[in-house]
Amino acid sequence: MPRFLLAVVLLFVVSVAAYAWLLASGGSPSWLRNPIAGFVEPGATVWWFTFGGPLQAGPRTFGGILGASIANTAVWVAVVALARLMARFLGGRIARR
């Protein structure tokens, strides 16, 4: 299995686990909950614009968590791809000077 595909699968699994943990953790401290919520926030935003509705806090059903996890994975893969592209472009410009 190529490393890229393995990374995408792991990112998806971590997204599903993070959404499930956020639903189950009621009284967790903010220093633990906030970074995890920040990690899954892009997927929750896409979910909210597509499947969710006004005044819904986040995905709570299995389908919602699955959709938000797919969206979260896609957003983070796009962020990493863009960062790699920028590093390659800027690295080539800096090396030519």
N, C-alpha and C. Protein backbone atom coordinates (compact mmCIF):
# COMPACT_ATOMS: atom_id res chain seq x y z
N MET A 1 0.86 -1.18 0.00
CA MET A 1 0.00 0.00 0.00
C MET A 1 0.90 1.24 0.00
N PRO A 2 0.68 2.15 -0.91
CA PRO A 2 1.51 3.36 -0.95
C PRO A 2 1.37 4.17 0.35
N ARG A 3 2.41 4.90 0.67
CA ARG A 3 2.40 5.68 1.91
C ARG A 3 1.28 6.72 1.92
N PHE A 4 1.00 7.32 0.77
CA PHE A 4 -0.05 8.33 0.71
C PHE A 4 -1.41 7.74 1.07
N LEU A 5 -1.72 6.58 0.50
CA LEU A 5 -3.00 5.94 0.78
C LEU A 5 -3.09 5.52 2.25
N LEU A 6 -2.00 5.03 2.79
CA LEU A 6 -1.97 4.66 4.20
C LEU A 6 -2.20 5.88 5.09
N ALA A 7 -1.59 7.00 4.72
CA ALA A 7 -1.78 8.23 5.50
C ALA A 7 -3.22 8.71 5.44
N VAL A 8 -3.86 8.59 4.29
CA VAL A 8 -5.27 9.01 4.15
C VAL A 8 -6.17 8.12 5.00
N VAL A 9 -5.92 6.82 4.97
CA VAL A 9 -6.73 5.89 5.77
C VAL A 9 -6.54 6.17 7.26
N LEU A 10 -5.31 6.39 7.69
CA LEU A 10 -5.06 6.70 9.10
C LEU A 10 -5.72 8.02 9.51
N LEU A 11 -5.66 9.00 8.64
CA LEU A 11 -6.30 10.28 8.94
C LEU A 11 -7.81 10.12 9.07
N PHE A 12 -8.41 9.30 8.22
CA PHE A 12 -9.85 9.04 8.31
C PHE A 12 -10.19 8.33 9.62
N VAL A 13 -9.41 7.32 9.98
CA VAL A 13 -9.67 6.57 11.23
C VAL A 13 -9.53 7.49 12.44
N VAL A 14 -8.52 8.34 12.43
CA VAL A 14 -8.33 9.28 13.55
C VAL A 14 -9.48 10.28 13.60
N SER A 15 -9.99 10.71 12.45
CA SER A 15 -11.13 11.63 12.42
C SER A 15 -12.37 10.99 13.01
N VAL A 16 -12.65 9.75 12.62
CA VAL A 16 -13.82 9.04 13.17
C VAL A 16 -13.67 8.89 14.68
N ALA A 17 -12.48 8.48 15.12
CA ALA A 17 -12.24 8.30 16.56
C ALA A 17 -12.38 9.62 17.31
N ALA A 18 -11.93 10.71 16.72
CA ALA A 18 -12.02 12.01 17.39
C ALA A 18 -13.48 12.45 17.53
N TYR A 19 -14.27 12.28 16.46
CA TYR A 19 -15.69 12.62 16.56
C TYR A 19 -16.39 11.76 17.60
N ALA A 20 -16.10 10.48 17.62
CA ALA A 20 -16.72 9.59 18.60
C ALA A 20 -16.31 9.97 20.01
N TRP A 21 -15.04 10.31 20.20
CA TRP A 21 -14.57 10.69 21.53
C TRP A 21 -15.22 12.00 21.98
N LEU A 22 -15.36 12.95 21.08
CA LEU A 22 -15.99 14.22 21.45
C LEU A 22 -17.44 14.03 21.87
N LEU A 23 -18.13 13.07 21.25
CA LEU A 23 -19.51 12.79 21.66
C LEU A 23 -19.56 12.13 23.03
N ALA A 24 -18.60 11.25 23.31
CA ALA A 24 -18.62 10.48 24.55
C ALA A 24 -18.04 11.24 25.74
N SER A 25 -17.16 12.19 25.48
CA SER A 25 -16.49 12.87 26.58
C SER A 25 -17.29 14.09 27.01
N GLY A 26 -18.01 13.93 28.08
CA GLY A 26 -18.83 15.04 28.54
C GLY A 26 -18.07 16.03 29.38
N GLY A 27 -17.34 15.55 30.36
CA GLY A 27 -16.67 16.44 31.29
C GLY A 27 -15.17 16.45 31.16
N SER A 28 -14.67 16.34 29.95
CA SER A 28 -13.22 16.34 29.77
C SER A 28 -12.67 17.76 29.89
N PRO A 29 -11.43 17.89 30.35
CA PRO A 29 -10.85 19.23 30.50
C PRO A 29 -10.64 19.91 29.15
N SER A 30 -10.68 21.22 29.16
CA SER A 30 -10.58 21.98 27.92
C SER A 30 -9.21 21.84 27.27
N TRP A 31 -8.16 21.64 28.04
CA TRP A 31 -6.83 21.51 27.45
C TRP A 31 -6.72 20.24 26.61
N LEU A 32 -7.59 19.26 26.85
CA LEU A 32 -7.61 18.04 26.04
C LEU A 32 -8.66 18.13 24.94
N ARG A 33 -9.79 18.69 25.26
CA ARG A 33 -10.91 18.73 24.31
C ARG A 33 -10.69 19.75 23.19
N ASN A 34 -10.14 20.90 23.48
CA ASN A 34 -10.01 21.97 22.48
C ASN A 34 -9.11 21.60 21.29
N PRO A 35 -7.93 21.00 21.49
CA PRO A 35 -7.13 20.63 20.32
C PRO A 35 -7.82 19.57 19.44
N ILE A 36 -8.50 18.63 20.07
CA ILE A 36 -9.21 17.60 19.29
C ILE A 36 -10.37 18.24 18.53
N ALA A 37 -11.09 19.14 19.16
CA ALA A 37 -12.18 19.83 18.48
C ALA A 37 -11.65 20.70 17.35
N GLY A 38 -10.50 21.30 17.54
CA GLY A 38 -9.89 22.09 16.47
C GLY A 38 -9.47 21.25 15.29
N PHE A 39 -9.02 20.03 15.55
CA PHE A 39 -8.62 19.13 14.48
C PHE A 39 -9.81 18.72 13.61
N VAL A 40 -10.96 18.47 14.22
CA VAL A 40 -12.12 18.01 13.45
C VAL A 40 -13.04 19.15 13.01
N GLU A 41 -12.72 20.37 13.37
CA GLU A 41 -13.57 21.50 13.03
C GLU A 41 -13.75 21.71 11.52
N PRO A 42 -12.72 21.55 10.67
CA PRO A 42 -12.96 21.72 9.23
C PRO A 42 -14.01 20.74 8.69
N GLY A 43 -13.95 19.50 9.12
CA GLY A 43 -14.95 18.52 8.67
C GLY A 43 -16.33 18.84 9.19
N ALA A 44 -16.40 19.31 10.43
CA ALA A 44 -17.70 19.67 11.00
C ALA A 44 -18.29 20.88 10.27
N THR A 45 -17.44 21.80 9.85
CA THR A 45 -17.92 22.96 9.10
C THR A 45 -18.50 22.54 7.75
N VAL A 46 -17.79 21.67 7.04
CA VAL A 46 -18.31 21.16 5.77
C VAL A 46 -19.60 20.40 6.00
N TRP A 47 -19.65 19.58 7.05
CA TRP A 47 -20.87 18.84 7.39
C TRP A 47 -22.01 19.81 7.65
N TRP A 48 -21.75 20.86 8.41
CA TRP A 48 -22.79 21.80 8.77
C TRP A 48 -23.36 22.49 7.53
N PHE A 49 -22.49 22.85 6.57
CA PHE A 49 -22.96 23.51 5.35
C PHE A 49 -23.70 22.56 4.42
N THR A 50 -23.39 21.26 4.46
CA THR A 50 -24.01 20.34 3.51
C THR A 50 -25.17 19.55 4.12
N PHE A 51 -24.96 18.90 5.25
CA PHE A 51 -25.97 18.01 5.82
C PHE A 51 -26.63 18.56 7.07
N GLY A 52 -25.91 19.36 7.81
CA GLY A 52 -26.45 19.89 9.07
C GLY A 52 -27.40 21.03 8.81
N GLY A 53 -27.80 21.62 9.87
CA GLY A 53 -28.71 22.74 9.74
C GLY A 53 -28.41 23.79 10.78
N PRO A 54 -29.13 24.87 10.77
CA PRO A 54 -28.92 25.92 11.75
C PRO A 54 -29.11 25.40 13.17
N LEU A 55 -28.32 25.89 14.05
CA LEU A 55 -28.37 25.60 15.48
C LEU A 55 -28.01 24.15 15.83
N GLN A 56 -27.38 23.42 14.94
CA GLN A 56 -26.89 22.09 15.27
C GLN A 56 -25.41 22.20 15.63
N ALA A 57 -25.03 21.60 16.73
CA ALA A 57 -23.67 21.74 17.24
C ALA A 57 -22.67 20.94 16.43
N GLY A 58 -23.04 19.79 15.96
CA GLY A 58 -22.11 18.94 15.22
C GLY A 58 -22.76 17.63 14.87
N PRO A 59 -22.06 16.81 14.13
CA PRO A 59 -22.64 15.52 13.73
C PRO A 59 -22.81 14.59 14.92
N ARG A 60 -23.98 13.99 15.05
CA ARG A 60 -24.24 13.10 16.18
C ARG A 60 -24.67 11.70 15.74
N THR A 61 -25.08 11.55 14.49
CA THR A 61 -25.48 10.23 14.00
C THR A 61 -24.28 9.56 13.33
N PHE A 62 -24.39 8.26 13.09
CA PHE A 62 -23.31 7.54 12.43
C PHE A 62 -23.05 8.10 11.04
N GLY A 63 -24.11 8.38 10.29
CA GLY A 63 -23.96 8.95 8.96
C GLY A 63 -23.33 10.34 8.99
N GLY A 64 -23.73 11.12 9.97
CA GLY A 64 -23.15 12.45 10.11
C GLY A 64 -21.68 12.40 10.46
N ILE A 65 -21.32 11.51 11.37
CA ILE A 65 -19.91 11.35 11.74
C ILE A 65 -19.10 10.84 10.56
N LEU A 66 -19.67 9.91 9.80
CA LEU A 66 -18.98 9.38 8.63
C LEU A 66 -18.77 10.48 7.58
N GLY A 67 -19.80 11.26 7.32
CA GLY A 67 -19.68 12.36 6.36
C GLY A 67 -18.70 13.42 6.80
N ALA A 68 -18.76 13.79 8.07
CA ALA A 68 -17.84 14.79 8.59
C ALA A 68 -16.41 14.27 8.59
N SER A 69 -16.22 12.99 8.85
CA SER A 69 -14.87 12.42 8.83
C SER A 69 -14.29 12.40 7.42
N ILE A 70 -15.12 12.08 6.45
CA ILE A 70 -14.67 12.12 5.05
C ILE A 70 -14.29 13.55 4.67
N ALA A 71 -15.13 14.51 5.05
CA ALA A 71 -14.84 15.91 4.75
C ALA A 71 -13.58 16.38 5.47
N ASN A 72 -13.41 15.97 6.73
CA ASN A 72 -12.24 16.36 7.50
C ASN A 72 -10.97 15.79 6.86
N THR A 73 -11.04 14.54 6.43
CA THR A 73 -9.90 13.93 5.77
C THR A 73 -9.56 14.66 4.49
N ALA A 74 -10.57 14.99 3.70
CA ALA A 74 -10.34 15.69 2.43
C ALA A 74 -9.72 17.07 2.66
N VAL A 75 -10.21 17.78 3.67
CA VAL A 75 -9.67 19.11 3.94
C VAL A 75 -8.21 19.02 4.38
N TRP A 76 -7.87 18.11 5.28
CA TRP A 76 -6.49 18.01 5.75
C TRP A 76 -5.55 17.49 4.68
N VAL A 77 -6.03 16.60 3.81
CA VAL A 77 -5.19 16.16 2.68
C VAL A 77 -4.93 17.34 1.75
N ALA A 78 -5.93 18.17 1.51
CA ALA A 78 -5.74 19.35 0.66
C ALA A 78 -4.77 20.34 1.30
N VAL A 79 -4.84 20.52 2.62
CA VAL A 79 -3.93 21.43 3.32
C VAL A 79 -2.49 20.93 3.19
N VAL A 80 -2.28 19.63 3.40
CA VAL A 80 -0.93 19.08 3.30
C VAL A 80 -0.43 19.16 1.86
N ALA A 81 -1.28 18.88 0.89
CA ALA A 81 -0.87 18.96 -0.51
C ALA A 81 -0.50 20.39 -0.89
N LEU A 82 -1.27 21.35 -0.43
CA LEU A 82 -0.96 22.74 -0.70
C LEU A 82 0.35 23.16 -0.03
N ALA A 83 0.57 22.72 1.20
CA ALA A 83 1.81 23.04 1.90
C ALA A 83 3.01 22.43 1.18
N ARG A 84 2.87 21.20 0.71
CA ARG A 84 3.97 20.57 -0.03
C ARG A 84 4.24 21.30 -1.34
N LEU A 85 3.18 21.71 -2.03
CA LEU A 85 3.34 22.45 -3.27
C LEU A 85 4.04 23.78 -3.04
N MET A 86 3.63 24.49 -1.99
CA MET A 86 4.26 25.77 -1.66
C MET A 86 5.72 25.57 -1.28
N ALA A 87 6.03 24.54 -0.51
CA ALA A 87 7.41 24.28 -0.11
C ALA A 87 8.26 23.95 -1.33
N ARG A 88 7.71 23.17 -2.24
CA ARG A 88 8.46 22.82 -3.45
C ARG A 88 8.69 24.05 -4.32
N PHE A 89 7.66 24.89 -4.47
CA PHE A 89 7.77 26.09 -5.29
C PHE A 89 8.74 27.09 -4.67
N LEU A 90 8.54 27.37 -3.38
CA LEU A 90 9.40 28.35 -2.72
C LEU A 90 10.80 27.80 -2.52
N GLY A 91 10.93 26.52 -2.28
CA GLY A 91 12.25 25.92 -2.13
C GLY A 91 13.05 26.01 -3.41
N GLY A 92 12.40 25.83 -4.54
CA GLY A 92 13.08 25.96 -5.83
C GLY A 92 13.49 27.39 -6.12
N ARG A 93 12.66 28.35 -5.73
CA ARG A 93 13.00 29.76 -5.95
C ARG A 93 14.16 30.20 -5.05
N ILE A 94 14.17 29.72 -3.83
CA ILE A 94 15.24 30.10 -2.90
C ILE A 94 16.55 29.46 -3.31
N ALA A 95 16.50 28.22 -3.78
CA ALA A 95 17.72 27.51 -4.18
C ALA A 95 18.34 28.13 -5.42
N ARG A 96 17.55 28.75 -6.30
CA ARG A 96 18.08 29.35 -7.52
C ARG A 96 18.77 30.66 -7.28
N ARG A 97 18.59 31.27 -6.15
CA ARG A 97 19.20 32.60 -5.87
C ARG A 97 20.62 32.48 -5.54
